[in-house]
């Protein structure tokens, strides 16, 4: 496998975590968003959307992180990132969707660039924008974690799931935009539990080859 990704991309970060958790080796191919390599012909030949990540597998190219994560779960089911219980799977998917559908899409790079370019937003305004949507989503996640009386050290249960795979990169992004994550005690605790696992540590943006 070859993972075309950018060290600071939240969606790339998710996929690195999942691959590490499942013990799947991959080649790291850096796509520098700062130099707009994702918009060049070479990368668009892999992914016409011009978005990272893209995963090359056996001559095919997989795109869209949610679809890739589901593919990984089906093709490499152990260790599972979705619980066996249907109610627990629903909780995992709901928590992941808050990040994947409600926080990240309005805070990703192309949206922030549009705010700067088309609406004249300065860095302070961009941080306020990001902080608003992160806070709204994290408030909901915190409430859902609090309501789950059977929750273990992670978002759902005592082992990482797709909910944690989605949450940890968003916590990383929140810190980058100077959002104080400590105000959400349960989210901070989950992040700390994940940070103790090698699969999460190795996936962190700071440890990627293009982070310099």
Foldseek 3Di string as FASTA:
>chain_A
DEKEEALLDLLSLLVLLLCLQLVHDYHYHYQDVVVLSLVDPVNCVQPVVSDDIWDDDPNHIDDDSVVVSVVCCVVRVPPHQADPDPVSNVQLVVLLCLQVPQQDVCLDDVNLVCCCPVVVDDLVRSLVSNLVRLVVSLVVLLVSQVVPPQADQASRHDDHHSSLSRLLSSVVVNVVSVHDPVVSPSSVSNNVVLCVDPSSVCSHSCNDPPND
